[in-house]
């Protein structure tokens, strides 16, 4: 009798476990190229519509003006289905985002 109760409890737990939670985005594409000490790039997309790409390179390598310059973009869909896109540059002049949803100076 105890065995039957334990068996039923295990079966109930196994059936109740969801295989995949649709609220958790899955990675559908991923690329990464770490080209060494002077630059990198990566990109990914997820099942919920999020996508990002970014590339960075060292400018003026070995000088006092050495700095990393990064360019990239990201897009996503909010809970109401509105798609947003943002592109950016980050370098010696700071972070410079652009997107239709951002206020303009």
N, C-alpha and C. Protein backbone atom coordinates (compact mmCIF):
# COMPACT_ATOMS: atom_id res chain seq x y z
N UNK A 1 0.83 -1.19 0.00
CA UNK A 1 0.00 0.00 0.00
C UNK A 1 0.87 1.26 0.00
N UNK A 2 1.92 1.26 0.86
CA UNK A 2 2.82 2.41 0.89
C UNK A 2 3.47 2.62 -0.48
N UNK A 3 3.84 1.50 -1.11
CA UNK A 3 4.48 1.58 -2.42
C UNK A 3 3.54 2.23 -3.44
N UNK A 4 2.28 1.89 -3.40
CA UNK A 4 1.30 2.46 -4.34
C UNK A 4 1.15 3.96 -4.12
N UNK A 5 1.13 4.39 -2.88
CA UNK A 5 1.00 5.82 -2.57
C UNK A 5 2.23 6.58 -3.07
N UNK A 6 3.41 6.02 -2.81
CA UNK A 6 4.65 6.66 -3.26
C UNK A 6 4.69 6.70 -4.78
N UNK A 7 4.30 5.62 -5.43
CA UNK A 7 4.29 5.56 -6.89
C UNK A 7 3.33 6.60 -7.46
N UNK A 8 2.15 6.73 -6.90
CA UNK A 8 1.20 7.74 -7.37
C UNK A 8 1.73 9.16 -7.15
N UNK A 9 2.39 9.39 -6.04
CA UNK A 9 2.95 10.72 -5.76
C UNK A 9 4.04 11.06 -6.77
N UNK A 10 4.90 10.10 -7.08
CA UNK A 10 5.97 10.32 -8.06
C UNK A 10 5.38 10.56 -9.44
N UNK A 11 4.41 9.79 -9.84
CA UNK A 11 3.77 9.97 -11.14
C UNK A 11 3.07 11.33 -11.24
N UNK A 12 2.40 11.74 -10.19
CA UNK A 12 1.72 13.04 -10.19
C UNK A 12 2.73 14.17 -10.31
N UNK A 13 3.85 14.06 -9.62
CA UNK A 13 4.89 15.09 -9.70
C UNK A 13 5.51 15.13 -11.09
N UNK A 14 5.73 13.98 -11.69
CA UNK A 14 6.33 13.93 -13.03
C UNK A 14 5.41 14.52 -14.08
N UNK A 15 4.14 14.28 -13.98
CA UNK A 15 3.18 14.80 -14.95
C UNK A 15 2.99 16.30 -14.77
N UNK A 16 3.09 16.79 -13.56
CA UNK A 16 2.84 18.20 -13.27
C UNK A 16 3.99 19.11 -13.68
N UNK A 17 5.19 18.60 -13.90
CA UNK A 17 6.35 19.42 -14.23
C UNK A 17 6.25 19.89 -15.68
N UNK A 18 6.20 21.21 -15.91
CA UNK A 18 6.17 21.70 -17.30
C UNK A 18 7.53 21.48 -17.95
N UNK A 19 7.52 21.09 -19.21
CA UNK A 19 8.77 20.85 -19.92
C UNK A 19 9.46 22.16 -20.28
N UNK A 20 8.68 23.18 -20.62
CA UNK A 20 9.26 24.46 -21.01
C UNK A 20 8.30 25.57 -20.63
N UNK A 21 8.80 26.56 -19.94
CA UNK A 21 7.99 27.69 -19.52
C UNK A 21 7.96 28.72 -20.64
N UNK A 22 6.80 29.00 -21.24
CA UNK A 22 6.74 29.95 -22.36
C UNK A 22 7.08 31.38 -21.95
N UNK A 23 7.08 31.66 -20.65
CA UNK A 23 7.44 33.01 -20.19
C UNK A 23 8.95 33.22 -20.16
N UNK A 24 9.71 32.16 -20.31
CA UNK A 24 11.17 32.25 -20.29
C UNK A 24 11.68 32.18 -21.73
N UNK A 25 12.34 33.24 -22.17
CA UNK A 25 12.83 33.30 -23.55
C UNK A 25 13.96 32.29 -23.75
N UNK A 26 13.96 31.69 -24.91
CA UNK A 26 15.01 30.75 -25.30
C UNK A 26 15.95 31.44 -26.29
N UNK A 27 17.23 31.17 -26.21
CA UNK A 27 18.19 31.71 -27.17
C UNK A 27 18.03 30.95 -28.48
N UNK A 28 17.75 31.67 -29.57
CA UNK A 28 17.58 31.01 -30.87
C UNK A 28 18.78 31.25 -31.78
N UNK A 29 19.60 32.27 -31.49
CA UNK A 29 20.83 32.51 -32.25
C UNK A 29 21.84 33.19 -31.33
N UNK A 30 23.09 32.72 -31.42
CA UNK A 30 24.15 33.32 -30.62
C UNK A 30 25.45 33.25 -31.41
N UNK A 31 26.10 34.38 -31.56
CA UNK A 31 27.40 34.44 -32.22
C UNK A 31 28.34 35.23 -31.33
N UNK A 32 29.57 34.79 -31.24
CA UNK A 32 30.56 35.51 -30.44
C UNK A 32 31.92 35.36 -31.10
N UNK A 33 32.59 36.48 -31.28
CA UNK A 33 33.92 36.48 -31.88
C UNK A 33 34.81 37.38 -31.05
N UNK A 34 35.50 36.78 -30.12
CA UNK A 34 36.44 37.54 -29.30
C UNK A 34 37.77 37.50 -30.04
N UNK A 35 38.05 38.57 -30.78
CA UNK A 35 39.21 38.57 -31.66
C UNK A 35 40.52 38.88 -30.94
N UNK A 36 40.52 38.87 -29.66
CA UNK A 36 41.75 39.09 -28.92
C UNK A 36 41.70 40.37 -28.10
N UNK A 37 42.86 40.95 -27.90
CA UNK A 37 42.95 42.11 -27.03
C UNK A 37 42.53 43.41 -27.69
N UNK A 38 42.36 43.41 -29.01
CA UNK A 38 42.05 44.67 -29.69
C UNK A 38 40.61 44.79 -30.15
N UNK A 39 39.76 43.84 -29.83
CA UNK A 39 38.36 43.97 -30.23
C UNK A 39 37.53 42.73 -29.96
N UNK A 40 36.23 42.88 -30.17
CA UNK A 40 35.29 41.77 -29.98
C UNK A 40 34.01 42.09 -30.75
N UNK A 41 33.18 41.07 -30.93
CA UNK A 41 31.82 41.28 -31.42
C UNK A 41 30.96 40.10 -31.00
N UNK A 42 29.67 40.39 -30.81
CA UNK A 42 28.73 39.33 -30.48
C UNK A 42 27.34 39.74 -30.93
N UNK A 43 26.48 38.74 -31.04
CA UNK A 43 25.08 38.98 -31.40
C UNK A 43 24.26 37.82 -30.86
N UNK A 44 23.00 38.12 -30.52
CA UNK A 44 22.09 37.06 -30.13
C UNK A 44 20.65 37.47 -30.42
N UNK A 45 19.80 36.46 -30.53
CA UNK A 45 18.35 36.65 -30.66
C UNK A 45 17.68 35.65 -29.73
N UNK A 46 16.54 36.05 -29.17
CA UNK A 46 15.79 35.16 -28.30
C UNK A 46 14.38 34.96 -28.84
N UNK A 47 13.72 33.96 -28.32
CA UNK A 47 12.39 33.58 -28.81
C UNK A 47 11.32 34.62 -28.51
N UNK A 48 11.59 35.57 -27.62
CA UNK A 48 10.59 36.59 -27.31
C UNK A 48 10.73 37.86 -28.16
N UNK A 49 11.60 37.82 -29.17
CA UNK A 49 11.76 38.97 -30.07
C UNK A 49 12.90 39.90 -29.71
N UNK A 50 13.65 39.59 -28.67
CA UNK A 50 14.80 40.41 -28.30
C UNK A 50 15.98 40.06 -29.20
N UNK A 51 16.70 41.09 -29.64
CA UNK A 51 17.91 40.87 -30.44
C UNK A 51 18.94 41.92 -30.03
N UNK A 52 20.20 41.53 -30.03
CA UNK A 52 21.26 42.47 -29.69
C UNK A 52 22.51 42.13 -30.48
N UNK A 53 23.20 43.17 -30.90
CA UNK A 53 24.51 42.99 -31.50
C UNK A 53 25.42 44.10 -31.01
N UNK A 54 26.70 43.80 -30.92
CA UNK A 54 27.65 44.77 -30.40
C UNK A 54 29.03 44.43 -30.91
N UNK A 55 29.82 45.45 -31.21
CA UNK A 55 31.21 45.27 -31.62
C UNK A 55 32.04 46.35 -30.97
N UNK A 56 33.21 45.98 -30.51
CA UNK A 56 34.10 46.94 -29.88
C UNK A 56 35.50 46.79 -30.43
N UNK A 57 36.20 47.91 -30.51
CA UNK A 57 37.59 47.89 -30.97
C UNK A 57 38.39 48.92 -30.18
N UNK A 58 39.67 48.64 -30.05
CA UNK A 58 40.55 49.57 -29.37
C UNK A 58 41.05 50.59 -30.38
N UNK A 59 40.92 51.85 -30.04
CA UNK A 59 41.42 52.92 -30.89
C UNK A 59 42.71 53.47 -30.27
N UNK A 60 43.64 53.86 -31.11
CA UNK A 60 44.91 54.44 -30.67
C UNK A 60 45.66 53.51 -29.72
N UNK A 61 45.74 52.25 -30.10
CA UNK A 61 46.38 51.23 -29.26
C UNK A 61 47.82 51.62 -28.91
N UNK A 62 48.14 51.53 -27.64
CA UNK A 62 49.49 51.79 -27.17
C UNK A 62 49.84 53.25 -26.97
N UNK A 63 48.86 54.14 -27.10
CA UNK A 63 49.12 55.56 -26.90
C UNK A 63 48.36 56.05 -25.66
N UNK A 64 48.61 57.28 -25.28
CA UNK A 64 47.88 57.86 -24.16
C UNK A 64 46.40 58.06 -24.49
N UNK A 65 46.07 58.12 -25.77
CA UNK A 65 44.68 58.30 -26.20
C UNK A 65 43.97 56.96 -26.43
N UNK A 66 44.59 55.86 -26.00
CA UNK A 66 43.98 54.54 -26.19
C UNK A 66 42.59 54.51 -25.55
N UNK A 67 41.62 54.04 -26.30
CA UNK A 67 40.24 53.95 -25.80
C UNK A 67 39.52 52.86 -26.56
N UNK A 68 38.49 52.32 -25.96
CA UNK A 68 37.66 51.34 -26.65
C UNK A 68 36.44 52.06 -27.22
N UNK A 69 36.11 51.72 -28.44
CA UNK A 69 34.92 52.27 -29.09
C UNK A 69 33.96 51.12 -29.34
N UNK A 70 32.73 51.30 -28.92
CA UNK A 70 31.72 50.24 -29.04
C UNK A 70 30.54 50.76 -29.83
N UNK A 71 30.05 49.94 -30.76
CA UNK A 71 28.84 50.23 -31.52
C UNK A 71 27.91 49.04 -31.37
N UNK A 72 26.63 49.32 -31.29
CA UNK A 72 25.71 48.21 -31.15
C UNK A 72 24.27 48.61 -31.31
N UNK A 73 23.42 47.62 -31.21
CA UNK A 73 21.99 47.86 -31.26
C UNK A 73 21.28 46.77 -30.48
N UNK A 74 20.08 47.12 -30.05
CA UNK A 74 19.24 46.16 -29.34
C UNK A 74 17.80 46.45 -29.71
N UNK A 75 17.00 45.42 -29.83
CA UNK A 75 15.57 45.59 -30.07
C UNK A 75 14.82 44.60 -29.21
N UNK A 76 13.62 44.98 -28.82
CA UNK A 76 12.80 44.12 -27.98
C UNK A 76 11.33 44.46 -28.18
N UNK A 77 10.48 43.58 -27.74
CA UNK A 77 9.03 43.76 -27.81
C UNK A 77 8.52 43.80 -26.38
N UNK A 78 7.75 44.86 -26.05
CA UNK A 78 7.24 44.96 -24.69
C UNK A 78 6.01 44.07 -24.51
N UNK A 79 5.47 44.05 -23.30
CA UNK A 79 4.35 43.15 -22.99
C UNK A 79 3.09 43.48 -23.77
N UNK A 80 3.00 44.72 -24.32
CA UNK A 80 1.84 45.10 -25.13
C UNK A 80 2.05 44.88 -26.62
N UNK A 81 3.21 44.32 -27.00
CA UNK A 81 3.49 44.03 -28.40
C UNK A 81 4.18 45.16 -29.16
N UNK A 82 4.52 46.24 -28.47
CA UNK A 82 5.22 47.37 -29.10
C UNK A 82 6.70 47.02 -29.26
N UNK A 83 7.25 47.18 -30.48
CA UNK A 83 8.66 46.90 -30.72
C UNK A 83 9.48 48.17 -30.53
N UNK A 84 10.60 48.04 -29.84
CA UNK A 84 11.53 49.13 -29.60
C UNK A 84 12.88 48.76 -30.18
N UNK A 85 13.57 49.76 -30.72
CA UNK A 85 14.92 49.57 -31.24
C UNK A 85 15.80 50.70 -30.73
N UNK A 86 17.01 50.36 -30.39
CA UNK A 86 17.96 51.33 -29.88
C UNK A 86 19.32 51.01 -30.50
N UNK A 87 19.97 52.02 -31.05
CA UNK A 87 21.34 51.85 -31.50
C UNK A 87 22.21 52.77 -30.65
N UNK A 88 23.48 52.45 -30.55
CA UNK A 88 24.33 53.26 -29.68
C UNK A 88 25.78 53.21 -30.12
N UNK A 89 26.48 54.24 -29.71
CA UNK A 89 27.93 54.32 -29.81
C UNK A 89 28.41 54.69 -28.41
N UNK A 90 29.46 54.05 -27.98
CA UNK A 90 30.09 54.40 -26.70
C UNK A 90 31.59 54.48 -26.96
N UNK A 91 32.13 55.66 -26.79
CA UNK A 91 33.55 55.87 -27.06
C UNK A 91 34.09 56.97 -26.17
N UNK A 92 35.17 57.60 -26.59
CA UNK A 92 35.77 58.65 -25.77
C UNK A 92 34.84 59.84 -25.57
N UNK A 93 33.77 59.91 -26.36
CA UNK A 93 32.78 60.98 -26.23
C UNK A 93 31.58 60.58 -25.37
N UNK A 94 31.63 59.41 -24.75
CA UNK A 94 30.55 58.96 -23.89
C UNK A 94 29.57 58.03 -24.60
N UNK A 95 28.48 57.75 -23.92
CA UNK A 95 27.42 56.87 -24.44
C UNK A 95 26.43 57.71 -25.23
N UNK A 96 26.19 57.32 -26.50
CA UNK A 96 25.33 58.09 -27.38
C UNK A 96 24.24 57.18 -27.96
N UNK A 97 23.10 57.08 -27.29
CA UNK A 97 22.01 56.22 -27.78
C UNK A 97 21.13 56.95 -28.79
N UNK A 98 20.51 56.19 -29.68
CA UNK A 98 19.52 56.72 -30.61
C UNK A 98 18.37 55.73 -30.69
N UNK A 99 17.16 56.26 -30.68
CA UNK A 99 15.97 55.43 -30.81
C UNK A 99 14.75 56.31 -30.92
N UNK A 100 13.77 55.88 -31.69
CA UNK A 100 12.56 56.68 -31.90
C UNK A 100 11.83 56.95 -30.59
N UNK A 101 11.96 56.07 -29.62
CA UNK A 101 11.26 56.22 -28.34
C UNK A 101 12.00 57.14 -27.36
N UNK A 102 13.21 57.57 -27.69
CA UNK A 102 13.99 58.42 -26.80
C UNK A 102 13.70 59.89 -27.06
N UNK A 103 13.75 60.72 -26.03
CA UNK A 103 13.55 62.16 -26.24
C UNK A 103 14.71 62.74 -27.04
N UNK A 104 14.40 63.73 -27.87
CA UNK A 104 15.43 64.39 -28.69
C UNK A 104 15.75 65.75 -28.10
N UNK A 105 17.02 66.07 -28.11
CA UNK A 105 17.45 67.37 -27.56
C UNK A 105 17.23 68.49 -28.55
